[in-house]
mmCIF file of all heavy atoms, coordinates in Angstrom:
data_MODEL
# 
_entry.id   MODEL 
# 
loop_
_atom_site.group_PDB 
_atom_site.id 
_atom_site.type_symbol 
_atom_site.label_atom_id 
_atom_site.label_alt_id 
_atom_site.label_comp_id 
_atom_site.label_asym_id 
_atom_site.label_entity_id 
_atom_site.label_seq_id 
_atom_site.pdbx_PDB_ins_code 
_atom_site.Cartn_x 
_atom_site.Cartn_y 
_atom_site.Cartn_z 
_atom_site.occupancy 
_atom_site.B_iso_or_equiv 
_atom_site.pdbx_formal_charge 
_atom_site.auth_seq_id 
_atom_site.auth_comp_id 
_atom_site.auth_asym_id 
_atom_site.auth_atom_id 
_atom_site.pdbx_PDB_model_num 
ATOM 1   N N   . VAL A 1 1  ? -4.709  59.308 -10.097 1.00 0.00 ? 1  VAL A N   1 
ATOM 2   C CA  . VAL A 1 1  ? -4.750  59.436 -11.529 1.00 0.00 ? 1  VAL A CA  1 
ATOM 3   C C   . VAL A 1 1  ? -3.523  58.798 -12.071 1.00 0.00 ? 1  VAL A C   1 
ATOM 4   O O   . VAL A 1 1  ? -2.427  59.383 -12.050 1.00 0.00 ? 1  VAL A O   1 
ATOM 5   C CB  . VAL A 1 1  ? -4.878  60.895 -11.966 1.00 0.00 ? 1  VAL A CB  1 
ATOM 6   C CG1 . VAL A 1 1  ? -4.982  61.025 -13.507 1.00 0.00 ? 1  VAL A CG1 1 
ATOM 7   C CG2 . VAL A 1 1  ? -6.091  61.593 -11.307 1.00 0.00 ? 1  VAL A CG2 1 
ATOM 8   N N   . LEU A 1 2  ? -3.623  57.569 -12.560 1.00 0.00 ? 2  LEU A N   1 
ATOM 9   C CA  . LEU A 1 2  ? -2.467  56.797 -12.995 1.00 0.00 ? 2  LEU A CA  1 
ATOM 10  C C   . LEU A 1 2  ? -2.100  57.170 -14.390 1.00 0.00 ? 2  LEU A C   1 
ATOM 11  O O   . LEU A 1 2  ? -2.917  57.689 -15.185 1.00 0.00 ? 2  LEU A O   1 
ATOM 12  C CB  . LEU A 1 2  ? -2.733  55.325 -12.836 1.00 0.00 ? 2  LEU A CB  1 
ATOM 13  C CG  . LEU A 1 2  ? -3.015  54.844 -11.429 1.00 0.00 ? 2  LEU A CG  1 
ATOM 14  C CD1 . LEU A 1 2  ? -3.352  53.364 -11.355 1.00 0.00 ? 2  LEU A CD1 1 
ATOM 15  C CD2 . LEU A 1 2  ? -1.888  55.184 -10.475 1.00 0.00 ? 2  LEU A CD2 1 
ATOM 16  N N   . GLN A 1 3  ? -0.905  56.767 -14.746 1.00 0.00 ? 3  GLN A N   1 
ATOM 17  C CA  . GLN A 1 3  ? -0.363  57.079 -16.107 1.00 0.00 ? 3  GLN A CA  1 
ATOM 18  C C   . GLN A 1 3  ? -1.157  56.350 -17.219 1.00 0.00 ? 3  GLN A C   1 
ATOM 19  O O   . GLN A 1 3  ? -1.453  56.936 -18.238 1.00 0.00 ? 3  GLN A O   1 
ATOM 20  C CB  . GLN A 1 3  ? 1.096   56.695 -16.186 1.00 0.00 ? 3  GLN A CB  1 
ATOM 21  C CG  . GLN A 1 3  ? 1.849   57.179 -17.396 1.00 0.00 ? 3  GLN A CG  1 
ATOM 22  C CD  . GLN A 1 3  ? 3.318   56.869 -17.309 1.00 0.00 ? 3  GLN A CD  1 
ATOM 23  O OE1 . GLN A 1 3  ? 3.740   55.896 -16.685 1.00 0.00 ? 3  GLN A OE1 1 
ATOM 24  N NE2 . GLN A 1 3  ? 4.139   57.669 -17.941 1.00 0.00 ? 3  GLN A NE2 1 
ATOM 25  N N   . ASP A 1 4  ? -1.559  55.120 -16.932 1.00 0.00 ? 4  ASP A N   1 
ATOM 26  C CA  . ASP A 1 4  ? -2.295  54.353 -17.932 1.00 0.00 ? 4  ASP A CA  1 
ATOM 27  C C   . ASP A 1 4  ? -3.817  54.508 -17.571 1.00 0.00 ? 4  ASP A C   1 
ATOM 28  O O   . ASP A 1 4  ? -4.340  53.829 -16.696 1.00 0.00 ? 4  ASP A O   1 
ATOM 29  C CB  . ASP A 1 4  ? -1.906  52.843 -17.803 1.00 0.00 ? 4  ASP A CB  1 
ATOM 30  C CG  . ASP A 1 4  ? -2.632  52.018 -18.864 1.00 0.00 ? 4  ASP A CG  1 
ATOM 31  O OD1 . ASP A 1 4  ? -3.194  52.531 -19.832 1.00 0.00 ? 4  ASP A OD1 1 
ATOM 32  O OD2 . ASP A 1 4  ? -2.662  50.756 -18.702 1.00 0.00 ? 4  ASP A OD2 1 
ATOM 33  N N   . VAL A 1 5  ? -4.386  55.466 -18.237 1.00 0.00 ? 5  VAL A N   1 
ATOM 34  C CA  . VAL A 1 5  ? -5.835  55.759 -17.970 1.00 0.00 ? 5  VAL A CA  1 
ATOM 35  C C   . VAL A 1 5  ? -6.713  54.684 -18.496 1.00 0.00 ? 5  VAL A C   1 
ATOM 36  O O   . VAL A 1 5  ? -6.611  54.263 -19.664 1.00 0.00 ? 5  VAL A O   1 
ATOM 37  C CB  . VAL A 1 5  ? -6.198  57.117 -18.591 1.00 0.00 ? 5  VAL A CB  1 
ATOM 38  C CG1 . VAL A 1 5  ? -7.695  57.384 -18.353 1.00 0.00 ? 5  VAL A CG1 1 
ATOM 39  C CG2 . VAL A 1 5  ? -5.347  58.232 -17.971 1.00 0.00 ? 5  VAL A CG2 1 
ATOM 40  N N   . PHE A 1 6  ? -7.602  54.180 -17.660 1.00 0.00 ? 6  PHE A N   1 
ATOM 41  C CA  . PHE A 1 6  ? -8.553  53.149 -18.069 1.00 0.00 ? 6  PHE A CA  1 
ATOM 42  C C   . PHE A 1 6  ? -9.980  53.722 -17.902 1.00 0.00 ? 6  PHE A C   1 
ATOM 43  O O   . PHE A 1 6  ? -10.367 54.125 -16.785 1.00 0.00 ? 6  PHE A O   1 
ATOM 44  C CB  . PHE A 1 6  ? -8.411  51.882 -17.226 1.00 0.00 ? 6  PHE A CB  1 
ATOM 45  C CG  . PHE A 1 6  ? -9.312  50.762 -17.688 1.00 0.00 ? 6  PHE A CG  1 
ATOM 46  C CD1 . PHE A 1 6  ? -8.885  49.872 -18.636 1.00 0.00 ? 6  PHE A CD1 1 
ATOM 47  C CD2 . PHE A 1 6  ? -10.637 50.684 -17.285 1.00 0.00 ? 6  PHE A CD2 1 
ATOM 48  C CE1 . PHE A 1 6  ? -9.697  48.843 -19.083 1.00 0.00 ? 6  PHE A CE1 1 
ATOM 49  C CE2 . PHE A 1 6  ? -11.479 49.692 -17.749 1.00 0.00 ? 6  PHE A CE2 1 
ATOM 50  C CZ  . PHE A 1 6  ? -11.034 48.720 -18.615 1.00 0.00 ? 6  PHE A CZ  1 
ATOM 51  N N   . LEU A 1 7  ? -10.722 53.755 -18.992 1.00 0.00 ? 7  LEU A N   1 
ATOM 52  C CA  . LEU A 1 7  ? -12.128 54.102 -18.946 1.00 0.00 ? 7  LEU A CA  1 
ATOM 53  C C   . LEU A 1 7  ? -12.974 52.934 -19.312 1.00 0.00 ? 7  LEU A C   1 
ATOM 54  O O   . LEU A 1 7  ? -12.584 52.130 -20.164 1.00 0.00 ? 7  LEU A O   1 
ATOM 55  C CB  . LEU A 1 7  ? -12.423 55.282 -19.867 1.00 0.00 ? 7  LEU A CB  1 
ATOM 56  C CG  . LEU A 1 7  ? -11.675 56.608 -19.625 1.00 0.00 ? 7  LEU A CG  1 
ATOM 57  C CD1 . LEU A 1 7  ? -12.095 57.659 -20.588 1.00 0.00 ? 7  LEU A CD1 1 
ATOM 58  C CD2 . LEU A 1 7  ? -11.870 57.083 -18.162 1.00 0.00 ? 7  LEU A CD2 1 
ATOM 59  N N   . PHE A 1 8  ? -14.144 52.807 -18.671 1.00 0.00 ? 8  PHE A N   1 
ATOM 60  C CA  . PHE A 1 8  ? -15.041 51.692 -18.950 1.00 0.00 ? 8  PHE A CA  1 
ATOM 61  C C   . PHE A 1 8  ? -15.921 51.996 -20.185 1.00 0.00 ? 8  PHE A C   1 
ATOM 62  O O   . PHE A 1 8  ? -16.156 53.151 -20.544 1.00 0.00 ? 8  PHE A O   1 
ATOM 63  C CB  . PHE A 1 8  ? -15.893 51.426 -17.746 1.00 0.00 ? 8  PHE A CB  1 
ATOM 64  C CG  . PHE A 1 8  ? -15.158 50.910 -16.547 1.00 0.00 ? 8  PHE A CG  1 
ATOM 65  C CD1 . PHE A 1 8  ? -14.602 51.767 -15.613 1.00 0.00 ? 8  PHE A CD1 1 
ATOM 66  C CD2 . PHE A 1 8  ? -14.915 49.535 -16.399 1.00 0.00 ? 8  PHE A CD2 1 
ATOM 67  C CE1 . PHE A 1 8  ? -13.904 51.304 -14.522 1.00 0.00 ? 8  PHE A CE1 1 
ATOM 68  C CE2 . PHE A 1 8  ? -14.194 49.083 -15.313 1.00 0.00 ? 8  PHE A CE2 1 
ATOM 69  C CZ  . PHE A 1 8  ? -13.674 49.942 -14.396 1.00 0.00 ? 8  PHE A CZ  1 
ATOM 70  N N   . ASN A 1 9  ? -16.427 50.959 -20.777 1.00 0.00 ? 9  ASN A N   1 
ATOM 71  C CA  . ASN A 1 9  ? -17.324 51.082 -21.891 1.00 0.00 ? 9  ASN A CA  1 
ATOM 72  C C   . ASN A 1 9  ? -18.670 51.533 -21.397 1.00 0.00 ? 9  ASN A C   1 
ATOM 73  O O   . ASN A 1 9  ? -19.601 50.755 -21.241 1.00 0.00 ? 9  ASN A O   1 
ATOM 74  C CB  . ASN A 1 9  ? -17.439 49.748 -22.679 1.00 0.00 ? 9  ASN A CB  1 
ATOM 75  C CG  . ASN A 1 9  ? -18.239 49.905 -23.938 1.00 0.00 ? 9  ASN A CG  1 
ATOM 76  O OD1 . ASN A 1 9  ? -18.417 50.987 -24.440 1.00 0.00 ? 9  ASN A OD1 1 
ATOM 77  N ND2 . ASN A 1 9  ? -18.742 48.796 -24.475 1.00 0.00 ? 9  ASN A ND2 1 
ATOM 78  N N   . ALA A 1 10 ? -18.801 52.788 -21.086 1.00 0.00 ? 10 ALA A N   1 
ATOM 79  C CA  . ALA A 1 10 ? -20.007 53.380 -20.491 1.00 0.00 ? 10 ALA A CA  1 
ATOM 80  C C   . ALA A 1 10 ? -20.060 54.845 -20.895 1.00 0.00 ? 10 ALA A C   1 
ATOM 81  O O   . ALA A 1 10 ? -19.235 55.302 -21.685 1.00 0.00 ? 10 ALA A O   1 
ATOM 82  C CB  . ALA A 1 10 ? -19.940 53.206 -18.963 1.00 0.00 ? 10 ALA A CB  1 
ATOM 83  N N   . THR A 1 11 ? -21.005 55.570 -20.314 1.00 0.00 ? 11 THR A N   1 
ATOM 84  C CA  . THR A 1 11 ? -21.120 56.978 -20.683 1.00 0.00 ? 11 THR A CA  1 
ATOM 85  C C   . THR A 1 11 ? -20.048 57.791 -19.902 1.00 0.00 ? 11 THR A C   1 
ATOM 86  O O   . THR A 1 11 ? -19.484 57.296 -18.918 1.00 0.00 ? 11 THR A O   1 
ATOM 87  C CB  . THR A 1 11 ? -22.505 57.521 -20.311 1.00 0.00 ? 11 THR A CB  1 
ATOM 88  O OG1 . THR A 1 11 ? -22.688 57.445 -18.911 1.00 0.00 ? 11 THR A OG1 1 
ATOM 89  C CG2 . THR A 1 11 ? -23.614 56.694 -20.985 1.00 0.00 ? 11 THR A CG2 1 
ATOM 90  N N   . LEU A 1 12 ? -19.826 59.018 -20.393 1.00 0.00 ? 12 LEU A N   1 
ATOM 91  C CA  . LEU A 1 12 ? -18.930 59.882 -19.676 1.00 0.00 ? 12 LEU A CA  1 
ATOM 92  C C   . LEU A 1 12 ? -19.365 60.144 -18.250 1.00 0.00 ? 12 LEU A C   1 
ATOM 93  O O   . LEU A 1 12 ? -18.567 60.126 -17.313 1.00 0.00 ? 12 LEU A O   1 
ATOM 94  C CB  . LEU A 1 12 ? -18.828 61.262 -20.411 1.00 0.00 ? 12 LEU A CB  1 
ATOM 95  C CG  . LEU A 1 12 ? -17.832 61.421 -21.542 1.00 0.00 ? 12 LEU A CG  1 
ATOM 96  C CD1 . LEU A 1 12 ? -18.061 62.706 -22.278 1.00 0.00 ? 12 LEU A CD1 1 
ATOM 97  C CD2 . LEU A 1 12 ? -16.387 61.319 -21.003 1.00 0.00 ? 12 LEU A CD2 1 
ATOM 98  N N   . ARG A 1 13 ? -20.662 60.298 -18.035 1.00 0.00 ? 13 ARG A N   1 
ATOM 99  C CA  . ARG A 1 13 ? -21.171 60.560 -16.722 1.00 0.00 ? 13 ARG A CA  1 
ATOM 100 C C   . ARG A 1 13 ? -20.860 59.368 -15.801 1.00 0.00 ? 13 ARG A C   1 
ATOM 101 O O   . ARG A 1 13 ? -20.444 59.515 -14.658 1.00 0.00 ? 13 ARG A O   1 
ATOM 102 C CB  . ARG A 1 13 ? -22.688 60.778 -16.797 1.00 0.00 ? 13 ARG A CB  1 
ATOM 103 C CG  . ARG A 1 13 ? -23.354 60.993 -15.426 1.00 0.00 ? 13 ARG A CG  1 
ATOM 104 C CD  . ARG A 1 13 ? -24.858 61.154 -15.527 1.00 0.00 ? 13 ARG A CD  1 
ATOM 105 N NE  . ARG A 1 13 ? -25.188 62.464 -16.010 1.00 0.00 ? 13 ARG A NE  1 
ATOM 106 C CZ  . ARG A 1 13 ? -25.521 62.757 -17.263 1.00 0.00 ? 13 ARG A CZ  1 
ATOM 107 N NH1 . ARG A 1 13 ? -25.612 61.770 -18.155 1.00 0.00 ? 13 ARG A NH1 1 
ATOM 108 N NH2 . ARG A 1 13 ? -25.866 63.966 -17.647 1.00 0.00 ? 13 ARG A NH2 1 
ATOM 109 N N   . GLU A 1 14 ? -21.082 58.150 -16.293 1.00 0.00 ? 14 GLU A N   1 
ATOM 110 C CA  . GLU A 1 14 ? -20.877 56.982 -15.491 1.00 0.00 ? 14 GLU A CA  1 
ATOM 111 C C   . GLU A 1 14 ? -19.362 56.755 -15.165 1.00 0.00 ? 14 GLU A C   1 
ATOM 112 O O   . GLU A 1 14 ? -18.998 56.346 -14.101 1.00 0.00 ? 14 GLU A O   1 
ATOM 113 C CB  . GLU A 1 14 ? -21.425 55.726 -16.217 1.00 0.00 ? 14 GLU A CB  1 
ATOM 114 C CG  . GLU A 1 14 ? -22.935 55.710 -16.248 1.00 0.00 ? 14 GLU A CG  1 
ATOM 115 C CD  . GLU A 1 14 ? -23.463 54.650 -17.191 1.00 0.00 ? 14 GLU A CD  1 
ATOM 116 O OE1 . GLU A 1 14 ? -22.773 54.295 -18.173 1.00 0.00 ? 14 GLU A OE1 1 
ATOM 117 O OE2 . GLU A 1 14 ? -24.619 54.184 -16.981 1.00 0.00 ? 14 GLU A OE2 1 
ATOM 118 N N   . ASN A 1 15 ? -18.534 57.158 -16.107 1.00 0.00 ? 15 ASN A N   1 
ATOM 119 C CA  . ASN A 1 15 ? -17.094 57.029 -15.873 1.00 0.00 ? 15 ASN A CA  1 
ATOM 120 C C   . ASN A 1 15 ? -16.617 58.025 -14.822 1.00 0.00 ? 15 ASN A C   1 
ATOM 121 O O   . ASN A 1 15 ? -15.785 57.723 -13.993 1.00 0.00 ? 15 ASN A O   1 
ATOM 122 C CB  . ASN A 1 15 ? -16.282 57.238 -17.184 1.00 0.00 ? 15 ASN A CB  1 
ATOM 123 C CG  . ASN A 1 15 ? -16.091 55.930 -17.937 1.00 0.00 ? 15 ASN A CG  1 
ATOM 124 O OD1 . ASN A 1 15 ? -15.242 55.121 -17.558 1.00 0.00 ? 15 ASN A OD1 1 
ATOM 125 N ND2 . ASN A 1 15 ? -16.830 55.764 -19.008 1.00 0.00 ? 15 ASN A ND2 1 
ATOM 126 N N   . ILE A 1 16 ? -17.172 59.224 -14.874 1.00 0.00 ? 16 ILE A N   1 
ATOM 127 C CA  . ILE A 1 16 ? -16.754 60.244 -13.865 1.00 0.00 ? 16 ILE A CA  1 
ATOM 128 C C   . ILE A 1 16 ? -17.235 59.853 -12.510 1.00 0.00 ? 16 ILE A C   1 
ATOM 129 O O   . ILE A 1 16 ? -16.533 60.013 -11.484 1.00 0.00 ? 16 ILE A O   1 
ATOM 130 C CB  . ILE A 1 16 ? -17.307 61.630 -14.285 1.00 0.00 ? 16 ILE A CB  1 
ATOM 131 C CG1 . ILE A 1 16 ? -16.648 62.109 -15.587 1.00 0.00 ? 16 ILE A CG1 1 
ATOM 132 C CG2 . ILE A 1 16 ? -17.106 62.661 -13.170 1.00 0.00 ? 16 ILE A CG2 1 
ATOM 133 C CD1 . ILE A 1 16 ? -17.258 63.368 -16.136 1.00 0.00 ? 16 ILE A CD1 1 
ATOM 134 N N   . ALA A 1 17 ? -18.437 59.286 -12.408 1.00 0.00 ? 17 ALA A N   1 
ATOM 135 C CA  . ALA A 1 17 ? -19.062 58.951 -11.134 1.00 0.00 ? 17 ALA A CA  1 
ATOM 136 C C   . ALA A 1 17 ? -18.666 57.578 -10.617 1.00 0.00 ? 17 ALA A C   1 
ATOM 137 O O   . ALA A 1 17 ? -19.235 57.080 -9.625  1.00 0.00 ? 17 ALA A O   1 
ATOM 138 C CB  . ALA A 1 17 ? -20.623 59.030 -11.239 1.00 0.00 ? 17 ALA A CB  1 
ATOM 139 N N   . TYR A 1 18 ? -17.764 56.920 -11.292 1.00 0.00 ? 18 TYR A N   1 
ATOM 140 C CA  . TYR A 1 18 ? -17.403 55.498 -10.980 1.00 0.00 ? 18 TYR A CA  1 
ATOM 141 C C   . TYR A 1 18 ? -17.004 55.292 -9.518  1.00 0.00 ? 18 TYR A C   1 
ATOM 142 O O   . TYR A 1 18 ? -17.441 54.305 -8.893  1.00 0.00 ? 18 TYR A O   1 
ATOM 143 C CB  . TYR A 1 18 ? -16.320 54.992 -11.871 1.00 0.00 ? 18 TYR A CB  1 
ATOM 144 C CG  . TYR A 1 18 ? -15.998 53.543 -11.680 1.00 0.00 ? 18 TYR A CG  1 
ATOM 145 C CD1 . TYR A 1 18 ? -16.867 52.595 -12.206 1.00 0.00 ? 18 TYR A CD1 1 
ATOM 146 C CD2 . TYR A 1 18 ? -14.858 53.149 -10.994 1.00 0.00 ? 18 TYR A CD2 1 
ATOM 147 C CE1 . TYR A 1 18 ? -16.566 51.217 -12.008 1.00 0.00 ? 18 TYR A CE1 1 
ATOM 148 C CE2 . TYR A 1 18 ? -14.601 51.826 -10.760 1.00 0.00 ? 18 TYR A CE2 1 
ATOM 149 C CZ  . TYR A 1 18 ? -15.428 50.864 -11.285 1.00 0.00 ? 18 TYR A CZ  1 
ATOM 150 O OH  . TYR A 1 18 ? -15.150 49.513 -11.094 1.00 0.00 ? 18 TYR A OH  1 
ATOM 151 N N   . GLY A 1 19 ? -16.277 56.198 -8.983  1.00 0.00 ? 19 GLY A N   1 
ATOM 152 C CA  . GLY A 1 19 ? -15.795 56.002 -7.582  1.00 0.00 ? 19 GLY A CA  1 
ATOM 153 C C   . GLY A 1 19 ? -16.753 56.398 -6.496  1.00 0.00 ? 19 GLY A C   1 
ATOM 154 O O   . GLY A 1 19 ? -16.526 56.074 -5.310  1.00 0.00 ? 19 GLY A O   1 
ATOM 155 N N   . VAL A 1 20 ? -17.832 57.098 -6.841  1.00 0.00 ? 20 VAL A N   1 
ATOM 156 C CA  . VAL A 1 20 ? -18.815 57.585 -5.874  1.00 0.00 ? 20 VAL A CA  1 
ATOM 157 C C   . VAL A 1 20 ? -20.186 57.094 -6.318  1.00 0.00 ? 20 VAL A C   1 
ATOM 158 O O   . VAL A 1 20 ? -20.771 57.730 -7.219  1.00 0.00 ? 20 VAL A O   1 
ATOM 159 C CB  . VAL A 1 20 ? -18.749 59.102 -5.683  1.00 0.00 ? 20 VAL A CB  1 
ATOM 160 C CG1 . VAL A 1 20 ? -19.751 59.541 -4.615  1.00 0.00 ? 20 VAL A CG1 1 
ATOM 161 C CG2 . VAL A 1 20 ? -17.312 59.563 -5.348  1.00 0.00 ? 20 VAL A CG2 1 
ATOM 162 N N   . ALA A 1 21 ? -20.719 56.038 -5.729  1.00 0.00 ? 21 ALA A N   1 
ATOM 163 C CA  . ALA A 1 21 ? -21.925 55.453 -6.187  1.00 0.00 ? 21 ALA A CA  1 
ATOM 164 C C   . ALA A 1 21 ? -23.126 56.385 -6.141  1.00 0.00 ? 21 ALA A C   1 
ATOM 165 O O   . ALA A 1 21 ? -24.002 56.336 -6.973  1.00 0.00 ? 21 ALA A O   1 
ATOM 166 C CB  . ALA A 1 21 ? -22.218 54.161 -5.430  1.00 0.00 ? 21 ALA A CB  1 
ATOM 167 N N   . ASN A 1 22 ? -23.206 57.221 -5.127  1.00 0.00 ? 22 ASN A N   1 
ATOM 168 C CA  . ASN A 1 22 ? -24.397 58.064 -4.900  1.00 0.00 ? 22 ASN A CA  1 
ATOM 169 C C   . ASN A 1 22 ? -24.096 59.510 -5.305  1.00 0.00 ? 22 ASN A C   1 
ATOM 170 O O   . ASN A 1 22 ? -24.720 60.451 -4.738  1.00 0.00 ? 22 ASN A O   1 
ATOM 171 C CB  . ASN A 1 22 ? -24.833 58.002 -3.422  1.00 0.00 ? 22 ASN A CB  1 
ATOM 172 C CG  . ASN A 1 22 ? -23.693 58.367 -2.490  1.00 0.00 ? 22 ASN A CG  1 
ATOM 173 O OD1 . ASN A 1 22 ? -22.574 58.523 -2.879  1.00 0.00 ? 22 ASN A OD1 1 
ATOM 174 N ND2 . ASN A 1 22 ? -24.087 58.537 -1.226  1.00 0.00 ? 22 ASN A ND2 1 
ATOM 175 N N   . ALA A 1 23 ? -23.182 59.760 -6.230  1.00 0.00 ? 23 ALA A N   1 
ATOM 176 C CA  . ALA A 1 23 ? -22.848 61.101 -6.597  1.00 0.00 ? 23 ALA A CA  1 
ATOM 177 C C   . ALA A 1 23 ? -24.055 61.809 -7.249  1.00 0.00 ? 23 ALA A C   1 
ATOM 178 O O   . ALA A 1 23 ? -24.775 61.212 -8.078  1.00 0.00 ? 23 ALA A O   1 
ATOM 179 C CB  . ALA A 1 23 ? -21.685 61.096 -7.563  1.00 0.00 ? 23 ALA A CB  1 
ATOM 180 N N   . THR A 1 24 ? -24.251 63.044 -6.915  1.00 0.00 ? 24 THR A N   1 
ATOM 181 C CA  . THR A 1 24 ? -25.341 63.810 -7.526  1.00 0.00 ? 24 THR A CA  1 
ATOM 182 C C   . THR A 1 24 ? -24.892 64.425 -8.840  1.00 0.00 ? 24 THR A C   1 
ATOM 183 O O   . THR A 1 24 ? -23.707 64.485 -9.150  1.00 0.00 ? 24 THR A O   1 
ATOM 184 C CB  . THR A 1 24 ? -25.778 64.955 -6.547  1.00 0.00 ? 24 THR A CB  1 
ATOM 185 O OG1 . THR A 1 24 ? -24.696 65.882 -6.437  1.00 0.00 ? 24 THR A OG1 1 
ATOM 186 C CG2 . THR A 1 24 ? -26.162 64.387 -5.205  1.00 0.00 ? 24 THR A CG2 1 
ATOM 187 N N   . GLU A 1 25 ? -25.874 64.861 -9.597  1.00 0.00 ? 25 GLU A N   1 
ATOM 188 C CA  . GLU A 1 25 ? -25.544 65.474 -10.882 1.00 0.00 ? 25 GLU A CA  1 
ATOM 189 C C   . GLU A 1 25 ? -24.698 66.753 -10.726 1.00 0.00 ? 25 GLU A C   1 
ATOM 190 O O   . GLU A 1 25 ? -23.785 67.039 -11.502 1.00 0.00 ? 25 GLU A O   1 
ATOM 191 C CB  . GLU A 1 25 ? -26.847 65.838 -11.633 1.00 0.00 ? 25 GLU A CB  1 
ATOM 192 C CG  . GLU A 1 25 ? -26.685 66.331 -13.047 1.00 0.00 ? 25 GLU A CG  1 
ATOM 193 C CD  . GLU A 1 25 ? -26.307 65.243 -14.013 1.00 0.00 ? 25 GLU A CD  1 
ATOM 194 O OE1 . GLU A 1 25 ? -26.340 64.019 -13.621 1.00 0.00 ? 25 GLU A OE1 1 
ATOM 195 O OE2 . GLU A 1 25 ? -25.921 65.545 -15.150 1.00 0.00 ? 25 GLU A OE2 1 
ATOM 196 N N   . GLU A 1 26 ? -25.016 67.534 -9.658  1.00 0.00 ? 26 GLU A N   1 
ATOM 197 C CA  . GLU A 1 26 ? -24.240 68.725 -9.382  1.00 0.00 ? 26 GLU A CA  1 
ATOM 198 C C   . GLU A 1 26 ? -22.809 68.408 -9.106  1.00 0.00 ? 26 GLU A C   1 
ATOM 199 O O   . GLU A 1 26 ? -21.872 69.120 -9.524  1.00 0.00 ? 26 GLU A O   1 
ATOM 200 C CB  . GLU A 1 26 ? -24.893 69.494 -8.214  1.00 0.00 ? 26 GLU A CB  1 
ATOM 201 C CG  . GLU A 1 26 ? -26.264 70.079 -8.514  1.00 0.00 ? 26 GLU A CG  1 
ATOM 202 C CD  . GLU A 1 26 ? -27.358 69.044 -8.556  1.00 0.00 ? 26 GLU A CD  1 
ATOM 203 O OE1 . GLU A 1 26 ? -27.112 67.923 -7.988  1.00 0.00 ? 26 GLU A OE1 1 
ATOM 204 O OE2 . GLU A 1 26 ? -28.449 69.309 -9.090  1.00 0.00 ? 26 GLU A OE2 1 
ATOM 205 N N   . GLN A 1 27 ? -22.540 67.346 -8.295  1.00 0.00 ? 27 GLN A N   1 
ATOM 206 C CA  . GLN A 1 27 ? -21.212 67.011 -7.904  1.00 0.00 ? 27 GLN A CA  1 
ATOM 207 C C   . GLN A 1 27 ? -20.402 66.549 -9.205  1.00 0.00 ? 27 GLN A C   1 
ATOM 208 O O   . GLN A 1 27 ? -19.264 66.847 -9.334  1.00 0.00 ? 27 GLN A O   1 
ATOM 209 C CB  . GLN A 1 27 ? -21.202 65.855 -6.892  1.00 0.00 ? 27 GLN A CB  1 
ATOM 210 C CG  . GLN A 1 27 ? -21.688 66.333 -5.515  1.00 0.00 ? 27 GLN A CG  1 
ATOM 211 C CD  . GLN A 1 27 ? -21.880 65.150 -4.570  1.00 0.00 ? 27 GLN A CD  1 
ATOM 212 O OE1 . GLN A 1 27 ? -22.249 64.040 -4.979  1.00 0.00 ? 27 GLN A OE1 1 
ATOM 213 N NE2 . GLN A 1 27 ? -21.590 65.388 -3.275  1.00 0.00 ? 27 GLN A NE2 1 
ATOM 214 N N   . ILE A 1 28 ? -21.067 65.763 -10.029 1.00 0.00 ? 28 ILE A N   1 
ATOM 215 C CA  . ILE A 1 28 ? -20.431 65.283 -11.264 1.00 0.00 ? 28 ILE A CA  1 
ATOM 216 C C   . ILE A 1 28 ? -20.029 66.474 -12.159 1.00 0.00 ? 28 ILE A C   1 
ATOM 217 O O   . ILE A 1 28 ? -18.944 66.568 -12.694 1.00 0.00 ? 28 ILE A O   1 
ATOM 218 C CB  . ILE A 1 28 ? -21.334 64.293 -12.014 1.00 0.00 ? 28 ILE A CB  1 
ATOM 219 C CG1 . ILE A 1 28 ? -21.593 63.009 -11.176 1.00 0.00 ? 28 ILE A CG1 1 
ATOM 220 C CG2 . ILE A 1 28 ? -20.788 63.920 -13.408 1.00 0.00 ? 28 ILE A CG2 1 
ATOM 221 C CD1 . ILE A 1 28 ? -22.635 62.084 -11.767 1.00 0.00 ? 28 ILE A CD1 1 
ATOM 222 N N   . MET A 1 29 ? -20.993 67.396 -12.335 1.00 0.00 ? 29 MET A N   1 
ATOM 223 C CA  . MET A 1 29 ? -20.767 68.558 -13.177 1.00 0.00 ? 29 MET A CA  1 
ATOM 224 C C   . MET A 1 29 ? -19.604 69.423 -12.604 1.00 0.00 ? 29 MET A C   1 
ATOM 225 O O   . MET A 1 29 ? -18.799 69.949 -13.373 1.00 0.00 ? 29 MET A O   1 
ATOM 226 C CB  . MET A 1 29 ? -22.041 69.367 -13.333 1.00 0.00 ? 29 MET A CB  1 
ATOM 227 C CG  . MET A 1 29 ? -23.192 68.701 -14.061 1.00 0.00 ? 29 MET A CG  1 
ATOM 228 S SD  . MET A 1 29 ? -22.717 68.228 -15.728 1.00 0.00 ? 29 MET A SD  1 
ATOM 229 C CE  . MET A 1 29 ? -22.632 66.463 -15.533 1.00 0.00 ? 29 MET A CE  1 
# 
């Protein structure tokens, strides 16, 4: 978690799941 936070122009869900391609909804929540 770096000091300069970068988020992509996408949904919150997609930003949270960015590092894990096959993340389930339960894991994201």
